[in-house]
């Protein structure tokens, strides 16, 4: 998802025939909103007025965008939103509006929500706002073949401009153990970037109930290592719990860049994240 601490930058991309321009910005969704989409309390099937009122009253959205959510993604229900924030031209109301290419823009959004620009993994917690369009007056000049790849490019440009962050899945680990196993548990968790969330001793007993978090990426062979460190006195149960931001800028931090390079190479992609210039066009530039 994008960095929530910066102002979004409007990016523009031109269609291959140079007859259409799409303008978009990306910003982060509130964590609470992302969660409510996850648990399907807010869905694309909601009444537009009801959902719009929730977005305005509970999350501070403006009236227009709150009532013009075009799509959720990926898979039509995921925790990323595409919003129409364009305004019709008052000086020339006969110009084609973004509604003329809505289906193509939504198709481009579905594509990028499933394959983000960093690692071609699912995006999470991003709101893309279409803020303006300049479209050719003839339908054939603004066909899906022109608009879908342009929408993909402008979404990728907006994502890169928003200083995106990596997120990783976290397991909730539940452990029942005697007190003498606590040191081994702490050591094993710390070595894998895990930490204890809650530790409770059973009343009248030396046995503890522990709830901890560990990144899924660090969980391979965790149970075996835990047995070694605790002399088989701790048996963990792990289940996916949530997504967590990874500290650091994936486009600048050397350790994160190495991880990204490994992921991209494993997928058969060029090891480096493409520069924003591949997706963003500039006014007046041929």
Protein backbone atom coordinates (compact mmCIF):
# COMPACT_ATOMS: atom_id res chain seq x y z
CA UNK A 1 0.00 0.00 0.00
CA UNK A 2 1.05 3.65 -0.36
CA UNK A 3 2.63 5.78 2.35
CA UNK A 4 -0.21 7.46 4.27
CA UNK A 5 1.99 10.40 5.24
CA UNK A 6 2.34 12.10 1.85
CA UNK A 7 0.02 14.09 -0.42
CA UNK A 8 -1.02 12.14 -3.51
CA UNK A 9 0.52 13.15 -6.83
CA UNK A 10 -1.63 13.31 -9.95
CA UNK A 11 -0.09 11.28 -12.78
CA UNK A 12 -1.01 11.31 -16.46
CA UNK A 13 -0.66 8.59 -19.09
CA UNK A 14 -1.41 8.83 -22.79
CA UNK A 15 -2.99 6.13 -24.92
CA UNK A 16 -0.86 4.48 -27.64
CA UNK A 17 -2.55 6.56 -30.33
CA UNK A 18 -1.89 9.77 -28.32
CA UNK A 19 -5.57 10.73 -28.57
CA UNK A 20 -6.54 10.09 -24.93
CA UNK A 21 -5.14 11.09 -21.56
CA UNK A 22 -6.00 9.64 -18.16
CA UNK A 23 -5.18 11.45 -14.90
CA UNK A 24 -5.08 9.54 -11.62
CA UNK A 25 -3.80 9.75 -8.05
CA UNK A 26 -3.28 7.03 -5.46
CA UNK A 27 -3.64 7.26 -1.69
CA UNK A 28 -3.91 4.82 1.20
CA UNK A 29 -7.19 3.56 2.57
CA UNK A 30 -7.77 3.84 6.30
CA UNK A 31 -6.82 0.60 8.08
CA UNK A 32 -10.31 0.40 9.58
CA UNK A 33 -11.87 0.72 6.12
CA UNK A 34 -9.58 -1.97 4.71
CA UNK A 35 -10.61 -4.27 7.56
CA UNK A 36 -14.31 -3.68 6.98
CA UNK A 37 -13.87 -4.57 3.32
CA UNK A 38 -11.98 -7.71 4.36
CA UNK A 39 -14.83 -8.90 6.58
CA UNK A 40 -17.40 -7.88 3.93
CA UNK A 41 -19.07 -5.20 6.01
CA UNK A 42 -18.49 -2.87 3.04
CA UNK A 43 -18.94 -4.52 -0.36
CA UNK A 44 -19.61 -3.67 -4.01
CA UNK A 45 -23.16 -4.98 -3.50
CA UNK A 46 -24.03 -2.26 -0.98
CA UNK A 47 -26.58 0.41 -1.74
CA UNK A 48 -24.64 3.37 -3.15
CA UNK A 49 -26.29 5.89 -0.83
CA UNK A 50 -25.78 3.78 2.29
CA UNK A 51 -22.13 3.07 1.48
CA UNK A 52 -21.54 6.68 0.53
CA UNK A 53 -22.89 7.88 3.85
CA UNK A 54 -20.60 5.47 5.72
CA UNK A 55 -17.55 6.67 3.76
CA UNK A 56 -18.44 10.31 4.46
CA UNK A 57 -19.45 10.06 8.12
CA UNK A 58 -17.00 7.44 9.35
CA UNK A 59 -13.98 7.96 7.07
CA UNK A 60 -14.19 11.64 6.09
CA UNK A 61 -14.67 11.19 2.35
CA UNK A 62 -16.11 13.99 0.20
CA UNK A 63 -19.62 13.50 -1.15
CA UNK A 64 -18.68 13.01 -4.82
CA UNK A 65 -16.03 10.26 -4.49
CA UNK A 66 -17.97 8.57 -1.68
CA UNK A 67 -20.88 7.98 -4.06
CA UNK A 68 -18.79 7.09 -7.12
CA UNK A 69 -16.89 3.96 -6.09
CA UNK A 70 -16.52 2.15 -9.40
CA UNK A 71 -14.85 -1.06 -8.33
CA UNK A 72 -13.27 -3.16 -5.59
CA UNK A 73 -10.26 -5.33 -6.35
CA UNK A 74 -8.72 -7.76 -6.78
CA UNK A 75 -11.35 -10.39 -7.59
CA UNK A 76 -14.11 -7.74 -7.49
CA UNK A 77 -14.23 -7.70 -3.66
CA UNK A 78 -10.66 -6.97 -2.48
CA UNK A 79 -9.48 -4.12 -0.22
CA UNK A 80 -8.57 -1.64 -2.99
CA UNK A 81 -10.95 0.90 -4.48
CA UNK A 82 -11.31 2.69 -7.82
CA UNK A 83 -13.15 6.00 -7.49
CA UNK A 84 -14.45 8.47 -10.05
CA UNK A 85 -13.39 11.93 -8.83
CA UNK A 86 -13.68 13.67 -12.22
CA UNK A 87 -15.80 16.74 -12.85
CA UNK A 88 -17.66 17.53 -16.05
CA UNK A 89 -16.42 20.52 -18.00
CA UNK A 90 -18.79 23.44 -17.49
CA UNK A 91 -17.31 25.37 -20.41
CA UNK A 92 -17.74 22.45 -22.82
CA UNK A 93 -20.23 19.91 -21.42
CA UNK A 94 -20.31 18.01 -24.73
CA UNK A 95 -16.78 16.65 -24.24
CA UNK A 96 -16.71 12.87 -23.64
CA UNK A 97 -16.74 12.07 -19.93
CA UNK A 98 -14.93 9.32 -18.08
CA UNK A 99 -18.15 7.30 -18.15
CA UNK A 100 -17.52 6.67 -21.84
CA UNK A 101 -14.50 4.50 -20.93
CA UNK A 102 -15.61 3.25 -17.49
CA UNK A 103 -15.55 -0.46 -18.41
CA UNK A 104 -12.04 -0.21 -19.84
CA UNK A 105 -10.72 1.73 -16.83
CA UNK A 106 -12.27 -0.82 -14.46
CA UNK A 107 -10.62 -3.63 -16.45
CA UNK A 108 -7.25 -1.88 -16.08
CA UNK A 109 -7.84 -1.51 -12.35
CA UNK A 110 -8.71 -5.22 -11.98
CA UNK A 111 -5.42 -6.03 -13.71
CA UNK A 112 -3.19 -3.90 -11.48
CA UNK A 113 -5.01 -4.72 -8.22
CA UNK A 114 -4.07 -8.35 -8.83
CA UNK A 115 -0.54 -7.59 -10.04
CA UNK A 116 0.99 -4.53 -8.38
CA UNK A 117 4.01 -2.78 -9.85
CA UNK A 118 6.53 -3.79 -7.14
CA UNK A 119 6.40 -7.60 -7.26
CA UNK A 120 3.26 -8.30 -9.33
CA UNK A 121 1.54 -9.37 -6.12
CA UNK A 122 -1.93 -8.35 -4.93
CA UNK A 123 -2.26 -4.74 -3.89
CA UNK A 124 -3.78 -3.88 -0.53
CA UNK A 125 -5.21 -0.71 0.99
CA UNK A 126 -4.96 1.56 -2.08
CA UNK A 127 -7.55 4.02 -3.36
CA UNK A 128 -7.13 5.07 -6.99
CA UNK A 129 -8.96 8.26 -7.92
CA UNK A 130 -9.61 9.16 -11.54
CA UNK A 131 -9.34 12.96 -11.38
CA UNK A 132 -9.58 13.91 -15.07
CA UNK A 133 -9.71 12.55 -18.61
CA UNK A 134 -9.18 13.94 -22.08
CA UNK A 135 -10.83 11.64 -24.62
CA UNK A 136 -11.15 11.59 -28.39
CA UNK A 137 -14.65 12.37 -29.61
CA UNK A 138 -14.82 9.24 -31.81
CA UNK A 139 -15.54 5.90 -30.12
CA UNK A 140 -13.08 4.01 -32.28
CA UNK A 141 -10.25 6.29 -31.11
CA UNK A 142 -10.98 5.46 -27.45
CA UNK A 143 -11.53 1.72 -27.74
CA UNK A 144 -10.68 -0.76 -25.00
CA UNK A 145 -7.44 -1.55 -26.81
CA UNK A 146 -6.40 2.05 -26.26
CA UNK A 147 -7.79 2.62 -22.76
CA UNK A 148 -7.10 -0.61 -20.83
CA UNK A 149 -3.28 -0.52 -21.20
CA UNK A 150 -3.33 3.23 -20.55
CA UNK A 151 -5.33 2.73 -17.36
CA UNK A 152 -2.80 0.11 -16.25
CA UNK A 153 0.06 2.52 -16.90
CA UNK A 154 -1.52 5.43 -15.05
CA UNK A 155 -2.39 3.24 -12.05
CA UNK A 156 1.19 1.96 -11.88
CA UNK A 157 2.51 5.54 -12.17
CA UNK A 158 0.20 6.70 -9.36
CA UNK A 159 1.26 3.74 -7.21
CA UNK A 160 4.97 4.50 -7.66
CA UNK A 161 4.38 8.22 -7.02
CA UNK A 162 2.64 7.43 -3.72
CA UNK A 163 5.80 5.84 -2.26
CA UNK A 164 4.37 2.32 -1.91
CA UNK A 165 5.15 0.03 0.98
CA UNK A 166 5.39 -3.73 1.20
CA UNK A 167 3.00 -5.69 3.41
CA UNK A 168 3.54 -9.21 4.68
CA UNK A 169 1.11 -11.79 6.09
CA UNK A 170 1.39 -12.58 9.80
CA UNK A 171 0.56 -15.79 11.65
CA UNK A 172 -1.02 -15.80 15.08
CA UNK A 173 0.88 -18.43 17.09
CA UNK A 174 -0.79 -20.01 20.11
CA UNK A 175 1.47 -21.97 22.48
CA UNK A 176 0.81 -23.81 25.72
CA UNK A 177 4.00 -24.40 27.68
CA UNK A 178 5.57 -24.65 31.15
CA UNK A 179 7.49 -21.70 32.57
CA UNK A 180 10.89 -23.24 31.87
CA UNK A 181 10.15 -23.12 28.12
CA UNK A 182 9.59 -19.35 28.02
CA UNK A 183 13.22 -18.46 27.35
CA UNK A 184 13.40 -20.85 24.39
CA UNK A 185 10.16 -19.45 22.97
CA UNK A 186 11.39 -15.86 23.24
CA UNK A 187 14.67 -16.78 21.56
CA UNK A 188 12.99 -18.64 18.68
CA UNK A 189 10.48 -15.85 18.04
CA UNK A 190 13.10 -13.09 18.14
CA UNK A 191 15.29 -14.94 15.64
CA UNK A 192 12.36 -14.92 13.19
CA UNK A 193 11.11 -11.35 13.69
CA UNK A 194 8.29 -12.62 15.88
CA UNK A 195 7.08 -11.26 19.21
CA UNK A 196 4.78 -12.20 22.06
CA UNK A 197 1.46 -10.37 22.11
CA UNK A 198 -0.01 -11.91 25.24
CA UNK A 199 1.28 -14.20 28.01
CA UNK A 200 -1.04 -15.57 30.69
CA UNK A 201 -0.27 -18.03 33.45
CA UNK A 202 -2.98 -20.50 34.27
CA UNK A 203 -4.19 -19.99 37.82
CA UNK A 204 -2.50 -22.33 40.26
CA UNK A 205 -0.31 -23.83 37.57
CA UNK A 206 3.18 -23.29 36.09
CA UNK A 207 1.65 -23.54 32.60
CA UNK A 208 1.42 -20.48 30.35
CA UNK A 209 -0.88 -19.66 27.43
CA UNK A 210 1.04 -17.57 24.90
CA UNK A 211 -0.25 -15.68 21.87
CA UNK A 212 2.45 -14.39 19.54
CA UNK A 213 2.90 -13.09 15.97
CA UNK A 214 5.40 -14.29 13.40
CA UNK A 215 5.75 -13.37 9.71
CA UNK A 216 4.57 -16.17 7.42
CA UNK A 217 7.85 -15.84 5.50
CA UNK A 218 9.77 -16.71 8.68
CA UNK A 219 7.56 -19.63 9.74
CA UNK A 220 9.19 -22.46 7.76
CA UNK A 221 10.37 -25.13 10.19
CA UNK A 222 9.38 -22.90 13.13
CA UNK A 223 7.70 -25.74 15.02
CA UNK A 224 10.80 -27.95 14.67
CA UNK A 225 13.11 -25.18 15.91
CA UNK A 226 10.77 -24.49 18.81
CA UNK A 227 10.88 -28.14 19.87
CA UNK A 228 14.67 -28.02 19.90
CA UNK A 229 14.82 -24.77 21.90
CA UNK A 230 12.25 -25.95 24.48
CA UNK A 231 13.07 -29.68 24.70
CA UNK A 232 9.72 -30.53 23.08
CA UNK A 233 7.81 -28.66 25.81
CA UNK A 234 6.12 -26.18 23.44
CA UNK A 235 3.90 -27.09 20.51
CA UNK A 236 2.64 -24.17 18.43
CA UNK A 237 -0.60 -23.77 16.49
CA UNK A 238 -0.42 -21.19 13.71
CA UNK A 239 -3.18 -19.50 11.74
CA UNK A 240 -3.18 -16.46 9.44
CA UNK A 241 -4.19 -13.34 11.37
CA UNK A 242 -3.44 -10.09 9.54
CA UNK A 243 -1.25 -8.14 7.13
CA UNK A 244 1.49 -5.90 8.49
CA UNK A 245 3.51 -3.10 6.93
CA UNK A 246 7.18 -3.92 6.39
CA UNK A 247 9.41 -1.15 7.73
CA UNK A 248 11.41 0.74 5.11
CA UNK A 249 11.06 2.06 1.58
CA UNK A 250 11.04 -0.86 -0.90
CA UNK A 251 12.39 1.42 -3.63
CA UNK A 252 15.33 2.67 -1.54
CA UNK A 253 16.11 0.26 1.31
CA UNK A 254 18.85 -2.12 0.20
CA UNK A 255 17.57 -5.10 2.20
CA UNK A 256 14.04 -4.73 0.86
CA UNK A 257 15.33 -4.22 -2.67
CA UNK A 258 17.16 -7.52 -2.35
CA UNK A 259 13.96 -9.28 -1.26
CA UNK A 260 12.03 -7.70 -4.14
CA UNK A 261 14.76 -8.70 -6.58
CA UNK A 262 14.51 -12.32 -5.40
CA UNK A 263 10.71 -12.36 -5.76
CA UNK A 264 10.79 -10.79 -9.22
CA UNK A 265 13.54 -13.15 -10.40
CA UNK A 266 11.59 -16.15 -9.14
CA UNK A 267 8.61 -14.97 -11.21
CA UNK A 268 10.71 -14.53 -14.32
CA UNK A 269 10.52 -10.73 -14.18
CA UNK A 270 13.37 -8.26 -14.64
CA UNK A 271 15.00 -7.92 -11.19
CA UNK A 272 14.60 -4.14 -10.93
CA UNK A 273 11.27 -2.41 -10.30
CA UNK A 274 10.48 -0.38 -13.45
CA UNK A 275 11.00 3.38 -13.09
CA UNK A 276 7.99 5.68 -13.00
CA UNK A 277 9.01 7.10 -16.40
CA UNK A 278 7.85 3.85 -18.00
CA UNK A 279 4.28 4.56 -16.96
CA UNK A 280 3.96 8.31 -16.47
CA UNK A 281 3.81 10.76 -19.37
CA UNK A 282 4.36 14.51 -19.21
CA UNK A 283 2.32 17.28 -20.81
CA UNK A 284 3.85 18.56 -24.03
CA UNK A 285 6.28 15.66 -24.33
CA UNK A 286 5.94 13.65 -27.56
